[in-house]
Protein backbone atom coordinates (compact mmCIF):
# COMPACT_ATOMS: atom_id res chain seq x y z
CA MET A 1 101.76 102.30 76.60
CA ARG A 2 104.87 103.36 78.52
CA TRP A 3 105.72 105.90 75.78
CA PHE A 4 102.50 107.70 76.53
CA GLU A 5 103.18 107.74 80.34
CA ILE A 6 106.80 109.15 79.52
CA ALA A 7 105.45 111.81 77.24
CA LEU A 8 102.73 112.84 79.75
CA VAL A 9 105.17 113.25 82.56
CA VAL A 10 107.72 115.19 80.31
CA LEU A 11 105.02 117.66 79.01
CA THR A 12 103.62 118.09 82.51
CA LEU A 13 107.09 118.99 83.89
CA PHE A 14 107.88 121.13 80.98
CA THR A 15 104.72 123.24 80.94
CA GLY A 16 104.81 123.46 84.80
CA LEU A 17 108.50 124.72 84.83
CA VAL A 18 107.55 127.30 82.02
CA TRP A 19 104.59 128.51 84.07
CA LEU A 20 106.72 128.67 87.28
CA LEU A 21 109.53 130.60 85.54
CA ASP A 22 107.07 132.92 84.04
CA LYS A 23 105.42 133.64 87.34
CA LEU A 24 108.63 134.21 89.21
CA VAL A 25 110.91 135.87 86.63
CA LEU A 26 109.56 136.53 83.13
CA ALA A 27 106.27 138.20 83.98
CA LYS A 28 108.27 140.81 86.01
CA ARG A 29 110.69 141.45 83.26
CA ARG A 30 107.85 141.89 80.78
CA GLU A 31 106.17 144.38 83.07
CA ALA A 32 109.33 146.39 83.58
CA ARG A 33 109.87 146.67 79.70
CA GLN A 34 106.19 147.31 78.74
CA GLY A 35 105.84 150.56 76.89
CA LEU A 36 109.48 150.72 75.93
CA LEU A 37 110.51 148.13 73.42
CA ASP A 38 107.96 145.42 74.51
CA ASP A 39 104.32 145.23 74.12
CA GLY A 40 103.98 143.20 77.21
CA LYS A 41 102.43 140.26 75.54
CA GLU A 42 103.14 136.72 76.71
CA PRO A 43 105.37 134.54 74.50
CA ILE A 44 103.41 131.80 72.82
CA VAL A 45 105.32 129.04 74.75
CA VAL A 46 104.14 130.64 78.01
CA ASP A 47 100.65 131.14 76.81
CA TYR A 48 100.27 127.49 75.85
CA SER A 49 102.06 126.23 78.96
CA LYS A 50 99.68 128.18 81.26
CA ALA A 51 96.74 126.83 79.40
CA PHE A 52 97.92 123.14 79.25
CA PHE A 53 99.68 122.58 82.51
CA PRO A 54 96.54 122.31 84.76
CA VAL A 55 94.97 119.79 82.35
CA LEU A 56 98.20 117.79 82.04
CA ALA A 57 98.69 117.71 85.86
CA VAL A 58 95.02 116.46 86.50
CA VAL A 59 95.42 113.75 83.90
CA LEU A 60 98.86 112.72 85.26
CA ILE A 61 97.46 112.61 88.87
CA LEU A 62 94.38 110.69 87.88
CA ARG A 63 96.21 108.14 85.71
CA SER A 64 98.98 107.57 88.18
CA PHE A 65 97.10 107.38 91.52
CA VAL A 66 93.39 107.00 90.89
CA ALA A 67 92.42 105.00 87.74
CA GLU A 68 93.93 104.21 84.35
CA PRO A 69 92.31 103.05 81.25
CA PHE A 70 93.63 99.90 79.31
CA ARG A 71 92.42 98.05 76.21
CA ILE A 72 92.35 94.19 76.07
CA PRO A 73 94.24 93.08 72.92
CA SER A 74 93.87 89.21 73.13
CA ASN A 75 91.54 86.43 74.14
CA SER A 76 93.65 85.09 77.19
CA MET A 77 91.08 86.42 79.69
CA MET A 78 87.91 85.08 77.92
CA PRO A 79 85.15 84.81 78.90
CA THR A 80 85.75 87.39 81.65
CA LEU A 81 87.26 89.99 79.39
CA LEU A 82 86.98 90.06 75.46
CA THR A 83 89.19 91.47 72.81
CA GLY A 84 88.34 95.08 72.33
CA ASP A 85 87.22 95.69 76.03
CA PHE A 86 88.17 99.00 77.40
CA ILE A 87 88.77 98.65 81.08
CA LEU A 88 89.47 100.84 84.04
CA VAL A 89 92.17 99.86 86.52
CA ASN A 90 92.25 100.95 90.20
CA LYS A 91 95.73 102.46 90.81
CA PHE A 92 95.59 102.67 94.58
CA THR A 93 94.29 99.29 95.71
CA TYR A 94 97.80 97.77 95.99
CA GLY A 95 99.51 100.95 96.97
CA LEU A 96 100.50 104.39 95.31
CA ARG A 97 103.20 104.07 92.75
CA LEU A 98 105.26 106.66 90.82
CA PRO A 99 104.73 106.96 87.00
CA ILE A 100 107.25 105.43 84.62
CA ASN A 101 109.38 103.43 87.10
CA ASN A 102 106.34 102.04 89.06
CA HIS A 103 108.13 102.31 92.40
CA LYS A 104 105.71 101.95 95.35
CA VAL A 105 105.76 105.02 97.72
CA VAL A 106 102.69 104.21 99.83
CA SER A 107 101.69 100.75 100.71
CA ILE A 108 97.84 100.35 101.13
CA GLY A 109 96.80 96.85 100.37
CA GLU A 110 97.89 93.48 98.75
CA PRO A 111 96.34 91.32 95.81
CA GLN A 112 93.73 88.73 96.97
CA ARG A 113 93.25 85.33 95.44
CA GLY A 114 90.92 85.81 92.46
CA ASP A 115 91.76 89.54 91.67
CA VAL A 116 92.12 90.50 88.06
CA VAL A 117 95.41 92.40 87.91
CA VAL A 118 97.29 94.52 85.34
CA PHE A 119 101.08 94.15 85.60
CA ARG A 120 104.40 94.38 83.62
CA PRO A 121 105.70 90.74 83.05
CA PRO A 122 109.20 90.20 83.88
CA HIS A 123 110.22 89.02 80.45
CA HIS A 124 108.34 92.00 78.77
CA PRO A 125 108.84 94.93 81.12
CA ASP A 126 107.70 97.35 78.50
CA GLN A 127 104.20 95.89 78.14
CA ASP A 128 101.10 95.87 80.15
CA TRP A 129 99.35 92.40 80.63
CA ILE A 130 96.24 91.27 82.50
CA LYS A 131 95.61 88.08 84.48
CA ARG A 132 93.94 86.56 87.46
CA VAL A 133 95.81 85.94 90.77
CA VAL A 134 95.52 82.23 91.50
CA GLY A 135 98.46 81.72 94.00
CA LEU A 136 99.59 84.10 96.90
CA PRO A 137 103.09 84.13 98.51
CA GLY A 138 103.64 80.74 100.11
CA ASP A 139 100.81 78.94 98.15
CA ARG A 140 101.31 75.66 96.55
CA VAL A 141 99.72 75.71 93.16
CA GLY A 142 99.18 72.64 90.95
CA TYR A 143 97.81 72.36 87.35
CA HIS A 144 97.11 68.79 85.93
CA ASP A 145 94.42 67.63 83.44
CA ASN A 146 92.80 71.06 83.29
CA GLN A 147 92.42 71.06 87.04
CA VAL A 148 93.81 73.80 89.40
CA SER A 149 94.72 73.06 92.98
CA VAL A 150 95.81 75.42 95.66
CA ASN A 151 97.48 74.22 98.93
CA GLY A 152 96.50 70.61 98.16
CA LYS A 153 92.79 71.39 97.47
CA ALA A 154 91.45 70.85 94.07
CA LEU A 155 89.16 73.73 92.93
CA ALA A 156 85.58 72.98 92.20
CA TYR A 157 84.04 73.41 88.69
CA ALA A 158 80.40 73.64 87.61
CA PRO A 159 79.57 73.40 83.86
CA VAL A 160 77.88 76.41 82.23
CA GLY A 161 77.58 75.17 78.69
CA VAL A 162 79.30 75.44 75.24
CA TYR A 163 80.83 78.85 74.70
CA GLN A 164 79.70 80.81 71.71
CA GLY A 165 82.29 83.41 70.70
CA LYS A 166 81.92 86.52 68.69
CA GLY A 167 84.26 88.92 66.78
CA ASN A 168 87.93 88.00 67.41
CA GLY A 169 86.69 85.50 70.12
CA THR A 170 84.94 83.19 67.58
CA GLU A 171 88.14 80.94 67.65
CA MET A 172 86.99 79.79 71.12
CA THR A 173 83.45 78.74 69.93
CA GLY A 174 82.75 75.27 71.04
CA ALA A 175 85.00 75.48 74.15
CA GLU A 176 83.53 74.35 77.46
CA GLU A 177 82.61 77.12 79.78
CA LEU A 178 82.88 76.40 83.52
CA GLN A 179 82.24 78.17 86.82
CA GLU A 180 85.44 77.90 88.75
CA ASP A 181 85.29 78.23 92.60
CA LEU A 182 88.67 79.81 93.61
CA LEU A 183 88.42 79.06 97.38
CA GLY A 184 85.47 81.40 97.66
CA ARG A 185 85.94 83.61 94.62
CA GLN A 186 83.81 82.44 91.81
CA HIS A 187 84.38 83.29 88.13
CA ARG A 188 84.14 81.64 84.66
CA VAL A 189 86.87 80.06 82.67
CA LEU A 190 87.18 78.31 79.14
CA GLU A 191 88.60 74.82 78.52
CA ARG A 192 89.11 72.86 75.39
CA THR A 193 89.17 69.11 75.95
CA ASN A 194 88.81 67.92 72.46
CA LEU A 195 92.17 69.18 71.15
CA PRO A 196 95.64 67.39 71.31
CA PHE A 197 97.56 70.22 73.09
CA ILE A 198 101.24 69.34 73.21
CA ASP A 199 101.94 71.61 76.41
CA GLN A 200 99.23 72.53 78.63
CA GLY A 201 101.54 74.11 81.13
CA GLU A 202 101.03 71.29 83.78
CA GLY A 203 103.20 71.38 86.81
CA ASP A 204 103.39 72.14 90.49
CA TRP A 205 104.76 75.46 92.03
CA ILE A 206 105.43 76.99 95.33
CA VAL A 207 105.06 80.82 95.28
CA PRO A 208 107.97 82.57 96.77
CA PRO A 209 107.61 85.66 99.04
CA GLY A 210 106.81 88.85 97.27
CA HIS A 211 105.40 87.09 94.29
CA TYR A 212 102.12 85.87 92.70
CA PHE A 213 101.01 83.10 90.47
CA VAL A 214 98.67 84.37 87.80
CA MET A 215 96.63 82.72 85.14
CA GLY A 216 94.37 83.61 82.26
CA ASP A 217 90.66 82.57 82.41
CA ASN A 218 91.16 81.10 78.96
CA ARG A 219 93.17 78.37 80.26
CA ASP A 220 94.27 76.77 76.86
CA ASN A 221 95.08 80.13 75.27
CA SER A 222 97.03 82.03 77.86
CA GLU A 223 100.75 82.74 78.35
CA ASP A 224 100.87 83.07 82.20
CA SER A 225 102.82 81.90 85.25
CA ARG A 226 102.62 78.30 84.05
CA TYR A 227 105.24 79.19 81.37
CA TRP A 228 107.13 82.29 82.41
CA GLY A 229 107.10 81.98 86.30
CA PHE A 230 106.02 84.12 89.14
CA LEU A 231 104.90 87.74 89.01
CA PRO A 232 106.88 90.04 91.34
CA GLU A 233 104.77 92.39 93.41
CA ALA A 234 107.04 95.24 92.23
CA ASN A 235 105.55 94.83 88.75
CA LEU A 236 101.88 95.24 89.79
CA ARG A 237 100.04 98.08 88.03
CA GLY A 238 96.60 97.75 89.62
CA LYS A 239 93.38 96.01 89.96
CA ALA A 240 90.95 95.87 87.08
CA PHE A 241 87.33 96.59 88.16
CA LEU A 242 85.17 98.09 85.30
CA ILE A 243 84.54 97.70 81.54
CA TRP A 244 83.68 101.10 80.18
CA MET A 245 83.34 100.24 76.50
CA ASN A 246 83.86 97.51 74.07
CA PHE A 247 84.91 97.82 70.37
CA ASP A 248 85.64 94.80 68.37
CA GLY A 249 84.54 95.62 64.70
CA GLY A 250 81.62 97.57 66.36
CA VAL A 251 80.50 98.94 69.79
CA ASP A 252 78.98 96.29 72.09
CA THR A 253 76.73 98.40 74.42
CA SER A 254 75.88 95.17 76.40
CA ARG A 255 79.28 95.21 78.03
CA ILE A 256 79.45 98.93 78.96
CA GLY A 257 79.48 99.40 82.85
CA SER A 258 80.09 95.66 83.51
CA ARG A 259 82.08 95.07 86.78
CA ILE A 260 85.08 92.70 86.50
CA GLN A 261 84.59 89.76 88.81
């Protein structure tokens, strides 16, 4: 929603400038003319700017540097995240970044293996996507026969059962749900072993400096680093940490307040 971010910045700057101009110049002029040809009332633009500027400024600061809400539009992160999940993203975990251009101004931390991150993909820089970090800079990542390996070590998987989807996720009903151990970070993934996929994104990769290898938890229904390459650090938006609501044809209260692992 870059358009919203741009609109928020523009409105905040506009109302702030009007408020400042009024405080330094316009208010004094009105006071000097009051009782002559002017009744001293504030112009409507000044009145609205003074009312909305503090609200817009607080929203801009919170969204840019503290936490920003996002909505999950697809099934690529099932079963961790479902279509219709509304999530909060920590905006300072990986450093403070300016709105709109996403330029990092303060470096705080770096993504860890297993983090669920929101980012702008290199081939769609106007969109926000969400995936899980599998490979860090310098890692060797492999994916063959539904098996992920990192630095030559195959990840361990424990069967959970047959997945039962709901809402927009019913298409994944019957998939195998597994507990994946990503070198100490455990989470669940979905795999379909009974369908003849033409391209499962198999291959081996070495993650270059300043980049990350990301994958969706719904391994057979995710467009990720297997297909479009590595994620530049500069494209990171933040770390997903909480589901605050779900709406997929109706409100699912059971997901409210769930932490994202």
